[in-house]
């Protein structure tokens, strides 16, 4: 990879991380207000399930843009 490709990859990775963290924070805020979640899943449990769903959604973006 040349320098420009490395910079674009680094910026894209940082932007993707920021997007994922912002989405998770937003979802967790809404989940904290939800009373229909069972007590055993509140907190860490529902967060892991949410992260799993987000990972499956983001894996769909892999390979959309070919970098040569």
PDB file of N, CA and C in Angstrom:
ATOM      1  N   UNK A   1       0.827  -1.185   0.000  1.00  0.00           N
ATOM      2  CA  UNK A   1       0.000   0.000   0.000  1.00  0.00           C
ATOM      3  C   UNK A   1       0.870   1.246   0.000  1.00  0.00           C
ATOM      4  N   UNK A   2       0.389   2.267  -0.669  1.00  0.00           N
ATOM      5  CA  UNK A   2       1.130   3.521  -0.638  1.00  0.00           C
ATOM      6  C   UNK A   2       0.607   4.394   0.507  1.00  0.00           C
ATOM      7  N   UNK A   3       1.187   5.560   0.649  1.00  0.00           N
ATOM      8  CA  UNK A   3       0.851   6.427   1.782  1.00  0.00           C
ATOM      9  C   UNK A   3      -0.603   6.877   1.747  1.00  0.00           C
ATOM     10  N   UNK A   4      -1.091   7.259   0.580  1.00  0.00           N
ATOM     11  CA  UNK A   4      -2.471   7.738   0.464  1.00  0.00           C
ATOM     12  C   UNK A   4      -3.469   6.641   0.831  1.00  0.00           C
ATOM     13  N   UNK A   5      -3.233   5.431   0.367  1.00  0.00           N
ATOM     14  CA  UNK A   5      -4.120   4.318   0.714  1.00  0.00           C
ATOM     15  C   UNK A   5      -4.106   4.059   2.214  1.00  0.00           C
ATOM     16  N   UNK A   6      -2.936   4.156   2.827  1.00  0.00           N
ATOM     17  CA  UNK A   6      -2.838   3.945   4.272  1.00  0.00           C
ATOM     18  C   UNK A   6      -3.593   5.028   5.040  1.00  0.00           C
ATOM     19  N   UNK A   7      -3.506   6.273   4.582  1.00  0.00           N
ATOM     20  CA  UNK A   7      -4.214   7.368   5.242  1.00  0.00           C
ATOM     21  C   UNK A   7      -5.718   7.189   5.103  1.00  0.00           C
ATOM     22  N   UNK A   8      -6.178   6.841   3.907  1.00  0.00           N
ATOM     23  CA  UNK A   8      -7.612   6.637   3.685  1.00  0.00           C
ATOM     24  C   UNK A   8      -8.110   5.463   4.516  1.00  0.00           C
ATOM     25  N   UNK A   9      -7.344   4.384   4.567  1.00  0.00           N
ATOM     26  CA  UNK A   9      -7.736   3.228   5.370  1.00  0.00           C
ATOM     27  C   UNK A   9      -7.803   3.593   6.851  1.00  0.00           C
ATOM     28  N   UNK A  10      -6.823   4.334   7.327  1.00  0.00           N
ATOM     29  CA  UNK A  10      -6.819   4.753   8.729  1.00  0.00           C
ATOM     30  C   UNK A  10      -7.990   5.655   9.062  1.00  0.00           C
ATOM     31  N   UNK A  11      -8.281   6.599   8.184  1.00  0.00           N
ATOM     32  CA  UNK A  11      -9.425   7.485   8.406  1.00  0.00           C
ATOM     33  C   UNK A  11     -10.732   6.704   8.362  1.00  0.00           C
ATOM     34  N   UNK A  12     -10.867   5.808   7.398  1.00  0.00           N
ATOM     35  CA  UNK A  12     -12.082   4.999   7.285  1.00  0.00           C
ATOM     36  C   UNK A  12     -12.286   4.095   8.483  1.00  0.00           C
ATOM     37  N   UNK A  13     -11.212   3.519   8.982  1.00  0.00           N
ATOM     38  CA  UNK A  13     -11.314   2.661  10.163  1.00  0.00           C
ATOM     39  C   UNK A  13     -11.742   3.459  11.386  1.00  0.00           C
ATOM     40  N   UNK A  14     -11.163   4.623  11.549  1.00  0.00           N
ATOM     41  CA  UNK A  14     -11.548   5.485  12.669  1.00  0.00           C
ATOM     42  C   UNK A  14     -12.990   5.949  12.572  1.00  0.00           C
ATOM     43  N   UNK A  15     -13.422   6.298  11.364  1.00  0.00           N
ATOM     44  CA  UNK A  15     -14.806   6.736  11.164  1.00  0.00           C
ATOM     45  C   UNK A  15     -15.777   5.586  11.417  1.00  0.00           C
ATOM     46  N   UNK A  16     -15.411   4.390  10.992  1.00  0.00           N
ATOM     47  CA  UNK A  16     -16.262   3.225  11.238  1.00  0.00           C
ATOM     48  C   UNK A  16     -16.375   2.908  12.718  1.00  0.00           C
ATOM     49  N   UNK A  17     -15.258   3.003  13.432  1.00  0.00           N
ATOM     50  CA  UNK A  17     -15.274   2.767  14.881  1.00  0.00           C
ATOM     51  C   UNK A  17     -16.158   3.792  15.581  1.00  0.00           C
ATOM     52  N   UNK A  18     -16.007   5.067  15.198  1.00  0.00           N
ATOM     53  CA  UNK A  18     -16.815   6.135  15.785  1.00  0.00           C
ATOM     54  C   UNK A  18     -18.296   5.896  15.521  1.00  0.00           C
ATOM     55  N   UNK A  19     -18.646   5.512  14.301  1.00  0.00           N
ATOM     56  CA  UNK A  19     -20.041   5.254  13.956  1.00  0.00           C
ATOM     57  C   UNK A  19     -20.604   4.113  14.793  1.00  0.00           C
ATOM     58  N   UNK A  20     -19.849   3.037  14.930  1.00  0.00           N
ATOM     59  CA  UNK A  20     -20.320   1.894  15.712  1.00  0.00           C
ATOM     60  C   UNK A  20     -20.513   2.266  17.181  1.00  0.00           C
ATOM     61  N   UNK A  21     -19.593   3.018  17.752  1.00  0.00           N
ATOM     62  CA  UNK A  21     -19.699   3.418  19.155  1.00  0.00           C
ATOM     63  C   UNK A  21     -20.883   4.358  19.362  1.00  0.00           C
ATOM     64  N   UNK A  22     -21.092   5.295  18.444  1.00  0.00           N
ATOM     65  CA  UNK A  22     -22.228   6.217  18.558  1.00  0.00           C
ATOM     66  C   UNK A  22     -23.557   5.469  18.430  1.00  0.00           C
ATOM     67  N   UNK A  23     -23.630   4.523  17.509  1.00  0.00           N
ATOM     68  CA  UNK A  23     -24.851   3.726  17.367  1.00  0.00           C
ATOM     69  C   UNK A  23     -25.123   2.909  18.622  1.00  0.00           C
ATOM     70  N   UNK A  24     -24.083   2.282  19.167  1.00  0.00           N
ATOM     71  CA  UNK A  24     -24.261   1.476  20.373  1.00  0.00           C
ATOM     72  C   UNK A  24     -24.698   2.348  21.549  1.00  0.00           C
ATOM     73  N   UNK A  25     -24.120   3.528  21.682  1.00  0.00           N
ATOM     74  CA  UNK A  25     -24.519   4.430  22.771  1.00  0.00           C
ATOM     75  C   UNK A  25     -25.979   4.842  22.630  1.00  0.00           C
ATOM     76  N   UNK A  26     -26.388   5.116  21.414  1.00  0.00           N
ATOM     77  CA  UNK A  26     -27.780   5.497  21.175  1.00  0.00           C
ATOM     78  C   UNK A  26     -28.735   4.345  21.479  1.00  0.00           C
ATOM     79  N   UNK A  27     -28.381   3.162  21.038  1.00  0.00           N
ATOM     80  CA  UNK A  27     -29.233   1.990  21.289  1.00  0.00           C
ATOM     81  C   UNK A  27     -29.297   1.683  22.780  1.00  0.00           C
ATOM     82  N   UNK A  28     -28.157   1.772  23.473  1.00  0.00           N
ATOM     83  CA  UNK A  28     -28.156   1.494  24.917  1.00  0.00           C
ATOM     84  C   UNK A  28     -29.005   2.491  25.686  1.00  0.00           C
ATOM     85  N   UNK A  29     -29.012   3.747  25.242  1.00  0.00           N
ATOM     86  CA  UNK A  29     -29.856   4.750  25.893  1.00  0.00           C
ATOM     87  C   UNK A  29     -31.324   4.362  25.787  1.00  0.00           C
ATOM     88  N   UNK A  30     -31.728   3.900  24.611  1.00  0.00           N
ATOM     89  CA  UNK A  30     -33.119   3.482  24.433  1.00  0.00           C
ATOM     90  C   UNK A  30     -33.414   2.189  25.187  1.00  0.00           C
ATOM     91  N   UNK A  31     -32.448   1.283  25.251  1.00  0.00           N
ATOM     92  CA  UNK A  31     -32.662   0.023  25.962  1.00  0.00           C
ATOM     93  C   UNK A  31     -32.774   0.238  27.468  1.00  0.00           C
ATOM     94  N   UNK A  32     -32.063   1.229  27.994  1.00  0.00           N
ATOM     95  CA  UNK A  32     -32.141   1.506  29.433  1.00  0.00           C
ATOM     96  C   UNK A  32     -33.535   1.951  29.853  1.00  0.00           C
ATOM     97  N   UNK A  33     -34.258   2.576  28.934  1.00  0.00           N
ATOM     98  CA  UNK A  33     -35.612   3.040  29.228  1.00  0.00           C
ATOM     99  C   UNK A  33     -36.662   1.952  29.015  1.00  0.00           C
ATOM    100  N   UNK A  34     -36.274   0.847  28.374  1.00  0.00           N
ATOM    101  CA  UNK A  34     -37.215  -0.222  28.054  1.00  0.00           C
ATOM    102  C   UNK A  34     -37.428  -1.108  29.280  1.00  0.00           C
ATOM    103  N   UNK A  35     -38.683  -1.291  29.676  1.00  0.00           N
ATOM    104  CA  UNK A  35     -38.991  -2.113  30.853  1.00  0.00           C
ATOM    105  C   UNK A  35     -39.332  -3.551  30.485  1.00  0.00           C
ATOM    106  N   UNK A  36     -39.400  -3.866  29.192  1.00  0.00           N
ATOM    107  CA  UNK A  36     -39.780  -5.214  28.764  1.00  0.00           C
ATOM    108  C   UNK A  36     -38.604  -6.184  28.718  1.00  0.00           C
ATOM    109  N   UNK A  37     -37.399  -5.733  29.011  1.00  0.00           N
ATOM    110  CA  UNK A  37     -36.221  -6.602  28.988  1.00  0.00           C
ATOM    111  C   UNK A  37     -36.180  -7.399  30.284  1.00  0.00           C
ATOM    112  N   UNK A  38     -36.011  -8.727  30.201  1.00  0.00           N
ATOM    113  CA  UNK A  38     -35.932  -9.535  31.421  1.00  0.00           C
ATOM    114  C   UNK A  38     -34.745  -9.109  32.299  1.00  0.00           C
ATOM    115  N   UNK A  39     -34.887  -9.307  33.585  1.00  0.00           N
ATOM    116  CA  UNK A  39     -33.857  -8.863  34.538  1.00  0.00           C
ATOM    117  C   UNK A  39     -32.502  -9.508  34.260  1.00  0.00           C
ATOM    118  N   UNK A  40     -32.493 -10.756  33.827  1.00  0.00           N
ATOM    119  CA  UNK A  40     -31.231 -11.446  33.561  1.00  0.00           C
ATOM    120  C   UNK A  40     -30.476 -10.907  32.359  1.00  0.00           C
ATOM    121  N   UNK A  41     -31.165 -10.207  31.478  1.00  0.00           N
ATOM    122  CA  UNK A  41     -30.515  -9.670  30.282  1.00  0.00           C
ATOM    123  C   UNK A  41     -30.182  -8.193  30.393  1.00  0.00           C
ATOM    124  N   UNK A  42     -30.630  -7.531  31.418  1.00  0.00           N
ATOM    125  CA  UNK A  42     -30.353  -6.095  31.543  1.00  0.00           C
ATOM    126  C   UNK A  42     -28.853  -5.853  31.680  1.00  0.00           C
ATOM    127  N   UNK A  43     -28.410  -4.757  31.131  1.00  0.00           N
ATOM    128  CA  UNK A  43     -26.999  -4.385  31.239  1.00  0.00           C
ATOM    129  C   UNK A  43     -26.130  -5.093  30.220  1.00  0.00           C
ATOM    130  N   UNK A  44     -25.184  -5.879  30.708  1.00  0.00           N
ATOM    131  CA  UNK A  44     -24.192  -6.513  29.850  1.00  0.00           C
ATOM    132  C   UNK A  44     -24.804  -7.523  28.890  1.00  0.00           C
ATOM    133  N   UNK A  45     -25.776  -8.286  29.335  1.00  0.00           N
ATOM    134  CA  UNK A  45     -26.372  -9.314  28.485  1.00  0.00           C
ATOM    135  C   UNK A  45     -27.000  -8.753  27.227  1.00  0.00           C
ATOM    136  N   UNK A  46     -27.845  -7.756  27.374  1.00  0.00           N
ATOM    137  CA  UNK A  46     -28.505  -7.166  26.211  1.00  0.00           C
ATOM    138  C   UNK A  46     -27.507  -6.400  25.355  1.00  0.00           C
ATOM    139  N   UNK A  47     -26.445  -5.877  25.971  1.00  0.00           N
ATOM    140  CA  UNK A  47     -25.406  -5.190  25.203  1.00  0.00           C
ATOM    141  C   UNK A  47     -24.673  -6.169  24.300  1.00  0.00           C
ATOM    142  N   UNK A  48     -24.342  -7.358  24.807  1.00  0.00           N
ATOM    143  CA  UNK A  48     -23.679  -8.365  23.973  1.00  0.00           C
ATOM    144  C   UNK A  48     -24.569  -8.807  22.818  1.00  0.00           C
ATOM    145  N   UNK A  49     -25.844  -8.970  23.070  1.00  0.00           N
ATOM    146  CA  UNK A  49     -26.772  -9.350  22.003  1.00  0.00           C
ATOM    147  C   UNK A  49     -26.847  -8.241  20.958  1.00  0.00           C
ATOM    148  N   UNK A  50     -26.911  -7.003  21.410  1.00  0.00           N
ATOM    149  CA  UNK A  50     -26.954  -5.861  20.499  1.00  0.00           C
ATOM    150  C   UNK A  50     -25.690  -5.780  19.661  1.00  0.00           C
ATOM    151  N   UNK A  51     -24.534  -5.983  20.284  1.00  0.00           N
ATOM    152  CA  UNK A  51     -23.265  -5.951  19.556  1.00  0.00           C
ATOM    153  C   UNK A  51     -23.219  -7.061  18.515  1.00  0.00           C
ATOM    154  N   UNK A  52     -23.759  -8.220  18.846  1.00  0.00           N
ATOM    155  CA  UNK A  52     -23.814  -9.313  17.873  1.00  0.00           C
ATOM    156  C   UNK A  52     -24.644  -8.954  16.657  1.00  0.00           C
ATOM    157  N   UNK A  53     -25.804  -8.351  16.881  1.00  0.00           N
ATOM    158  CA  UNK A  53     -26.643  -7.921  15.761  1.00  0.00           C
ATOM    159  C   UNK A  53     -25.957  -6.830  14.937  1.00  0.00           C
ATOM    160  N   UNK A  54     -25.284  -5.908  15.620  1.00  0.00           N
ATOM    161  CA  UNK A  54     -24.570  -4.856  14.901  1.00  0.00           C
ATOM    162  C   UNK A  54     -23.427  -5.436  14.079  1.00  0.00           C
ATOM    163  N   UNK A  55     -22.735  -6.436  14.620  1.00  0.00           N
ATOM    164  CA  UNK A  55     -21.640  -7.066  13.879  1.00  0.00           C
ATOM    165  C   UNK A  55     -22.161  -7.737  12.615  1.00  0.00           C
ATOM    166  N   UNK A  56     -23.301  -8.414  12.729  1.00  0.00           N
ATOM    167  CA  UNK A  56     -23.878  -9.045  11.540  1.00  0.00           C
ATOM    168  C   UNK A  56     -24.297  -8.000  10.514  1.00  0.00           C
ATOM    169  N   UNK A  57     -24.789  -6.864  10.971  1.00  0.00           N
ATOM    170  CA  UNK A  57     -25.181  -5.798  10.041  1.00  0.00           C
ATOM    171  C   UNK A  57     -23.957  -5.189   9.360  1.00  0.00           C
ATOM    172  N   UNK A  58     -22.893  -4.939  10.123  1.00  0.00           N
ATOM    173  CA  UNK A  58     -21.704  -4.313   9.550  1.00  0.00           C
ATOM    174  C   UNK A  58     -20.912  -5.260   8.665  1.00  0.00           C
ATOM    175  N   UNK A  59     -21.018  -6.553   8.866  1.00  0.00           N
ATOM    176  CA  UNK A  59     -20.280  -7.495   8.022  1.00  0.00           C
ATOM    177  C   UNK A  59     -20.792  -7.430   6.585  1.00  0.00           C
ATOM    178  N   UNK A  60     -22.024  -6.961   6.421  1.00  0.00           N
ATOM    179  CA  UNK A  60     -22.566  -6.782   5.078  1.00  0.00           C
ATOM    180  C   UNK A  60     -21.838  -5.709   4.286  1.00  0.00           C
ATOM    181  N   UNK A  61     -21.164  -4.780   4.972  1.00  0.00           N
ATOM    182  CA  UNK A  61     -20.424  -3.727   4.281  1.00  0.00           C
ATOM    183  C   UNK A  61     -19.053  -4.195   3.793  1.00  0.00           C
ATOM    184  N   UNK A  62     -18.561  -5.311   4.289  1.00  0.00           N
ATOM    185  CA  UNK A  62     -17.220  -5.753   3.900  1.00  0.00           C
ATOM    186  C   UNK A  62     -17.219  -6.158   2.429  1.00  0.00           C
ATOM    187  N   UNK A  63     -16.246  -5.689   1.725  1.00  0.00           N
ATOM    188  CA  UNK A  63     -16.111  -6.026   0.317  1.00  0.00           C
ATOM    189  C   UNK A  63     -16.922  -5.162  -0.623  1.00  0.00           C
ATOM    190  N   UNK A  64     -17.606  -4.145  -0.116  1.00  0.00           N
ATOM    191  CA  UNK A  64     -18.393  -3.286  -1.005  1.00  0.00           C
ATOM    192  C   UNK A  64     -17.493  -2.446  -1.904  1.00  0.00           C
ATOM    193  N   UNK A  65     -16.358  -2.024  -1.368  1.00  0.00           N
ATOM    194  CA  UNK A  65     -15.421  -1.208  -2.130  1.00  0.00           C
ATOM    195  C   UNK A  65     -14.103  -1.968  -2.206  1.00  0.00           C
ATOM    196  N   UNK A  66     -13.657  -2.242  -3.416  1.00  0.00           N
ATOM    197  CA  UNK A  66     -12.400  -2.971  -3.600  1.00  0.00           C
ATOM    198  C   UNK A  66     -11.241  -1.977  -3.609  1.00  0.00           C
ATOM    199  N   UNK A  67     -10.278  -2.186  -2.729  1.00  0.00           N
ATOM    200  CA  UNK A  67      -9.079  -1.354  -2.679  1.00  0.00           C
ATOM    201  C   UNK A  67      -7.948  -2.158  -3.286  1.00  0.00           C
ATOM    202  N   UNK A  68      -7.298  -1.572  -4.282  1.00  0.00           N
ATOM    203  CA  UNK A  68      -6.228  -2.305  -4.968  1.00  0.00           C
ATOM    204  C   UNK A  68      -4.888  -1.719  -4.667  1.00  0.00           C
TER     205      UNK A  68
END
